[in-house]
Amino acid sequence: MSIGRPEPEVIVNYADGYAYSKGKMEEAFRSGLFEKPASKSKDTAKVVHKKEDVDLIVNEFEITKAQAEKALVENGGDLAKTLKALVTP
């Protein structure tokens, strides 16, 4: 039922009644949800991360490989710490 305004474009409808709309998703990304400032440490060049860790983060969080590598570098290459940082707002 519409009250004078168009219905939002729904991306996904779930069986329990919840839905994600395109407008709300775009707003979340524009607000900088995935844009955390990079730490500028000289030690970041020395951090080694595993390909498996990068692949896991890319697949689970659906982010780019560059974003996954950046997150790992920011967290010292520690996968558990990186996962926790990505989940925590």
N, C-alpha and C. Protein backbone atom coordinates (compact mmCIF):
# COMPACT_ATOMS: atom_id res chain seq x y z
N MET A 1 0.85 -1.18 0.00
CA MET A 1 0.00 0.00 0.00
C MET A 1 0.89 1.24 0.00
N SER A 2 0.67 2.13 -0.93
CA SER A 2 1.48 3.32 -1.09
C SER A 2 0.69 4.55 -0.67
N ILE A 3 1.36 5.48 0.01
CA ILE A 3 0.72 6.71 0.47
C ILE A 3 1.35 7.88 -0.27
N GLY A 4 1.14 7.96 -1.56
CA GLY A 4 1.62 9.09 -2.34
C GLY A 4 3.08 9.04 -2.73
N ARG A 5 3.81 8.07 -2.31
CA ARG A 5 5.21 7.97 -2.69
C ARG A 5 5.47 6.56 -3.25
N PRO A 6 6.42 6.46 -4.17
CA PRO A 6 6.66 5.15 -4.78
C PRO A 6 7.28 4.16 -3.80
N GLU A 7 7.00 2.91 -4.01
CA GLU A 7 7.58 1.85 -3.19
C GLU A 7 9.06 1.73 -3.52
N PRO A 8 9.91 1.45 -2.54
CA PRO A 8 11.33 1.26 -2.83
C PRO A 8 11.55 -0.03 -3.61
N GLU A 9 12.62 -0.02 -4.38
CA GLU A 9 12.97 -1.23 -5.11
C GLU A 9 13.49 -2.25 -4.12
N VAL A 10 12.85 -3.39 -4.05
CA VAL A 10 13.23 -4.42 -3.10
C VAL A 10 14.23 -5.35 -3.75
N ILE A 11 15.36 -5.56 -3.08
CA ILE A 11 16.39 -6.44 -3.59
C ILE A 11 16.10 -7.89 -3.21
N VAL A 12 15.76 -8.12 -1.95
CA VAL A 12 15.53 -9.48 -1.47
C VAL A 12 14.34 -9.48 -0.51
N ASN A 13 13.41 -10.40 -0.68
CA ASN A 13 12.33 -10.63 0.26
C ASN A 13 12.61 -11.95 0.98
N TYR A 14 12.50 -11.94 2.29
CA TYR A 14 12.72 -13.15 3.07
C TYR A 14 11.40 -13.71 3.57
N ALA A 15 11.38 -15.01 3.88
CA ALA A 15 10.17 -15.69 4.32
C ALA A 15 9.63 -15.12 5.64
N ASP A 16 10.51 -14.58 6.48
CA ASP A 16 10.06 -14.06 7.76
C ASP A 16 9.52 -12.63 7.67
N GLY A 17 9.46 -12.07 6.45
CA GLY A 17 8.87 -10.75 6.27
C GLY A 17 9.86 -9.63 6.10
N TYR A 18 11.14 -9.86 6.34
CA TYR A 18 12.14 -8.82 6.19
C TYR A 18 12.54 -8.67 4.73
N ALA A 19 12.96 -7.45 4.35
CA ALA A 19 13.40 -7.19 2.99
C ALA A 19 14.50 -6.12 3.01
N TYR A 20 15.37 -6.18 2.03
CA TYR A 20 16.39 -5.16 1.86
C TYR A 20 16.02 -4.32 0.66
N SER A 21 16.01 -3.01 0.82
CA SER A 21 15.67 -2.15 -0.30
C SER A 21 16.93 -1.51 -0.86
N LYS A 22 16.91 -1.22 -2.13
CA LYS A 22 18.05 -0.65 -2.83
C LYS A 22 18.44 0.69 -2.22
N GLY A 23 17.48 1.52 -1.92
CA GLY A 23 17.76 2.85 -1.37
C GLY A 23 18.49 2.79 -0.03
N LYS A 24 18.05 1.91 0.84
CA LYS A 24 18.68 1.79 2.14
C LYS A 24 20.09 1.22 2.03
N MET A 25 20.28 0.27 1.10
CA MET A 25 21.61 -0.30 0.90
C MET A 25 22.57 0.76 0.37
N GLU A 26 22.12 1.55 -0.60
CA GLU A 26 22.98 2.60 -1.15
C GLU A 26 23.32 3.64 -0.10
N GLU A 27 22.35 3.97 0.74
CA GLU A 27 22.59 4.94 1.80
C GLU A 27 23.64 4.43 2.79
N ALA A 28 23.58 3.15 3.11
CA ALA A 28 24.56 2.56 4.02
C ALA A 28 25.96 2.64 3.44
N PHE A 29 26.09 2.38 2.14
CA PHE A 29 27.41 2.45 1.51
C PHE A 29 27.89 3.88 1.39
N ARG A 30 26.99 4.82 1.12
CA ARG A 30 27.39 6.22 1.02
C ARG A 30 27.84 6.76 2.37
N SER A 31 27.30 6.23 3.45
CA SER A 31 27.66 6.72 4.78
C SER A 31 29.06 6.29 5.19
N GLY A 32 29.72 5.48 4.36
CA GLY A 32 31.09 5.09 4.67
C GLY A 32 31.18 3.81 5.47
N LEU A 33 30.24 2.94 5.30
CA LEU A 33 30.21 1.70 6.05
C LEU A 33 31.52 0.93 5.92
N PHE A 34 32.07 0.87 4.70
CA PHE A 34 33.30 0.12 4.48
C PHE A 34 34.52 1.01 4.35
N GLU A 35 34.38 2.27 4.59
CA GLU A 35 35.48 3.20 4.42
C GLU A 35 36.08 3.58 5.78
N LYS A 36 36.95 2.78 6.28
CA LYS A 36 37.65 3.09 7.52
C LYS A 36 38.98 3.73 7.14
N PRO A 37 39.41 4.76 7.85
CA PRO A 37 40.68 5.38 7.50
C PRO A 37 41.84 4.41 7.67
N ALA A 38 42.77 4.47 6.76
CA ALA A 38 43.93 3.57 6.80
C ALA A 38 44.92 4.05 7.85
N SER A 39 45.47 3.11 8.60
CA SER A 39 46.50 3.47 9.56
C SER A 39 47.81 3.64 8.79
N LYS A 40 48.52 4.70 9.07
CA LYS A 40 49.74 4.99 8.32
C LYS A 40 50.95 4.63 9.17
N SER A 41 51.24 3.35 9.20
CA SER A 41 52.36 2.85 9.96
C SER A 41 53.41 2.32 9.00
N LYS A 42 54.68 2.45 9.38
CA LYS A 42 55.76 1.95 8.53
C LYS A 42 55.82 0.43 8.57
N ASP A 43 55.21 -0.18 9.60
CA ASP A 43 55.23 -1.63 9.75
C ASP A 43 54.25 -2.33 8.80
N THR A 44 53.34 -1.59 8.19
CA THR A 44 52.34 -2.22 7.34
C THR A 44 52.95 -2.87 6.11
N ALA A 45 54.08 -2.38 5.66
CA ALA A 45 54.72 -2.97 4.48
C ALA A 45 55.30 -4.34 4.81
N LYS A 46 55.58 -4.61 6.08
CA LYS A 46 56.19 -5.87 6.49
C LYS A 46 55.17 -6.97 6.79
N VAL A 47 53.89 -6.63 6.82
CA VAL A 47 52.85 -7.59 7.17
C VAL A 47 52.65 -8.57 6.02
N VAL A 48 52.70 -9.86 6.36
CA VAL A 48 52.47 -10.91 5.38
C VAL A 48 51.12 -11.55 5.68
N HIS A 49 50.30 -11.70 4.66
CA HIS A 49 49.01 -12.35 4.86
C HIS A 49 48.89 -13.51 3.88
N LYS A 50 48.12 -14.49 4.31
CA LYS A 50 47.95 -15.70 3.51
C LYS A 50 46.87 -15.50 2.46
N LYS A 51 47.05 -16.15 1.33
CA LYS A 51 46.06 -16.10 0.25
C LYS A 51 44.73 -16.68 0.72
N GLU A 52 44.79 -17.73 1.54
CA GLU A 52 43.57 -18.35 2.05
C GLU A 52 42.77 -17.39 2.92
N ASP A 53 43.48 -16.56 3.72
CA ASP A 53 42.82 -15.59 4.57
C ASP A 53 42.11 -14.53 3.72
N VAL A 54 42.80 -14.06 2.69
CA VAL A 54 42.21 -13.06 1.80
C VAL A 54 40.98 -13.63 1.10
N ASP A 55 41.11 -14.86 0.60
CA ASP A 55 39.98 -15.50 -0.09
C ASP A 55 38.78 -15.68 0.84
N LEU A 56 39.03 -16.07 2.09
CA LEU A 56 37.96 -16.24 3.07
C LEU A 56 37.22 -14.92 3.29
N ILE A 57 37.96 -13.85 3.49
CA ILE A 57 37.34 -12.54 3.74
C ILE A 57 36.57 -12.07 2.51
N VAL A 58 37.15 -12.24 1.32
CA VAL A 58 36.47 -11.83 0.10
C VAL A 58 35.15 -12.58 -0.06
N ASN A 59 35.16 -13.89 0.17
CA ASN A 59 33.96 -14.69 -0.01
C ASN A 59 32.90 -14.44 1.06
N GLU A 60 33.31 -14.28 2.30
CA GLU A 60 32.36 -14.13 3.39
C GLU A 60 31.75 -12.73 3.47
N PHE A 61 32.57 -11.71 3.20
CA PHE A 61 32.09 -10.34 3.33
C PHE A 61 31.72 -9.71 2.00
N GLU A 62 31.98 -10.43 0.90
CA GLU A 62 31.68 -9.95 -0.44
C GLU A 62 32.28 -8.56 -0.68
N ILE A 63 33.56 -8.43 -0.37
CA ILE A 63 34.30 -7.21 -0.63
C ILE A 63 35.41 -7.53 -1.62
N THR A 64 36.06 -6.50 -2.12
CA THR A 64 37.11 -6.73 -3.11
C THR A 64 38.36 -7.29 -2.44
N LYS A 65 39.21 -7.86 -3.26
CA LYS A 65 40.47 -8.42 -2.75
C LYS A 65 41.33 -7.32 -2.12
N ALA A 66 41.33 -6.15 -2.73
CA ALA A 66 42.12 -5.03 -2.20
C ALA A 66 41.63 -4.61 -0.82
N GLN A 67 40.31 -4.58 -0.63
CA GLN A 67 39.74 -4.22 0.68
C GLN A 67 40.09 -5.28 1.72
N ALA A 68 40.06 -6.54 1.32
CA ALA A 68 40.39 -7.62 2.25
C ALA A 68 41.86 -7.55 2.65
N GLU A 69 42.73 -7.31 1.67
CA GLU A 69 44.16 -7.20 1.98
C GLU A 69 44.44 -6.00 2.88
N LYS A 70 43.76 -4.90 2.61
CA LYS A 70 43.93 -3.69 3.43
C LYS A 70 43.50 -3.97 4.87
N ALA A 71 42.38 -4.66 5.04
CA ALA A 71 41.89 -4.98 6.39
C ALA A 71 42.88 -5.88 7.12
N LEU A 72 43.44 -6.86 6.42
CA LEU A 72 44.43 -7.75 7.04
C LEU A 72 45.68 -6.98 7.45
N VAL A 73 46.14 -6.09 6.57
CA VAL A 73 47.34 -5.30 6.88
C VAL A 73 47.08 -4.42 8.10
N GLU A 74 45.90 -3.79 8.15
CA GLU A 74 45.57 -2.92 9.28
C GLU A 74 45.52 -3.68 10.60
N ASN A 75 45.27 -4.98 10.54
CA ASN A 75 45.16 -5.79 11.75
C ASN A 75 46.35 -6.73 11.93
N GLY A 76 47.47 -6.39 11.32
CA GLY A 76 48.71 -7.13 11.53
C GLY A 76 48.71 -8.53 10.94
N GLY A 77 47.84 -8.81 9.99
CA GLY A 77 47.80 -10.12 9.37
C GLY A 77 47.06 -11.17 10.19
N ASP A 78 46.49 -10.77 11.32
CA ASP A 78 45.77 -11.68 12.20
C ASP A 78 44.33 -11.84 11.69
N LEU A 79 43.98 -13.04 11.25
CA LEU A 79 42.67 -13.29 10.66
C LEU A 79 41.55 -13.06 11.66
N ALA A 80 41.68 -13.58 12.86
CA ALA A 80 40.62 -13.43 13.87
C ALA A 80 40.38 -11.95 14.20
N LYS A 81 41.44 -11.20 14.36
CA LYS A 81 41.34 -9.78 14.66
C LYS A 81 40.70 -9.02 13.49
N THR A 82 41.06 -9.42 12.27
CA THR A 82 40.50 -8.79 11.07
C THR A 82 39.01 -9.05 10.96
N LEU A 83 38.60 -10.31 11.17
CA LEU A 83 37.19 -10.64 11.11
C LEU A 83 36.38 -9.86 12.14
N LYS A 84 36.93 -9.76 13.34
CA LYS A 84 36.26 -9.01 14.40
C LYS A 84 36.15 -7.54 14.03
N ALA A 85 37.21 -6.96 13.43
CA ALA A 85 37.19 -5.56 13.03
C ALA A 85 36.19 -5.30 11.92
N LEU A 86 36.04 -6.24 11.00
CA LEU A 86 35.08 -6.07 9.91
C LEU A 86 33.64 -6.18 10.37
N VAL A 87 33.40 -6.95 11.41
CA VAL A 87 32.04 -7.13 11.90
C VAL A 87 31.64 -5.99 12.83
N THR A 88 32.58 -5.44 13.57
CA THR A 88 32.31 -4.38 14.53
C THR A 88 32.18 -3.05 13.81
N PRO A 89 31.08 -2.29 14.07
CA PRO A 89 30.90 -0.99 13.39
C PRO A 89 31.88 0.04 13.88
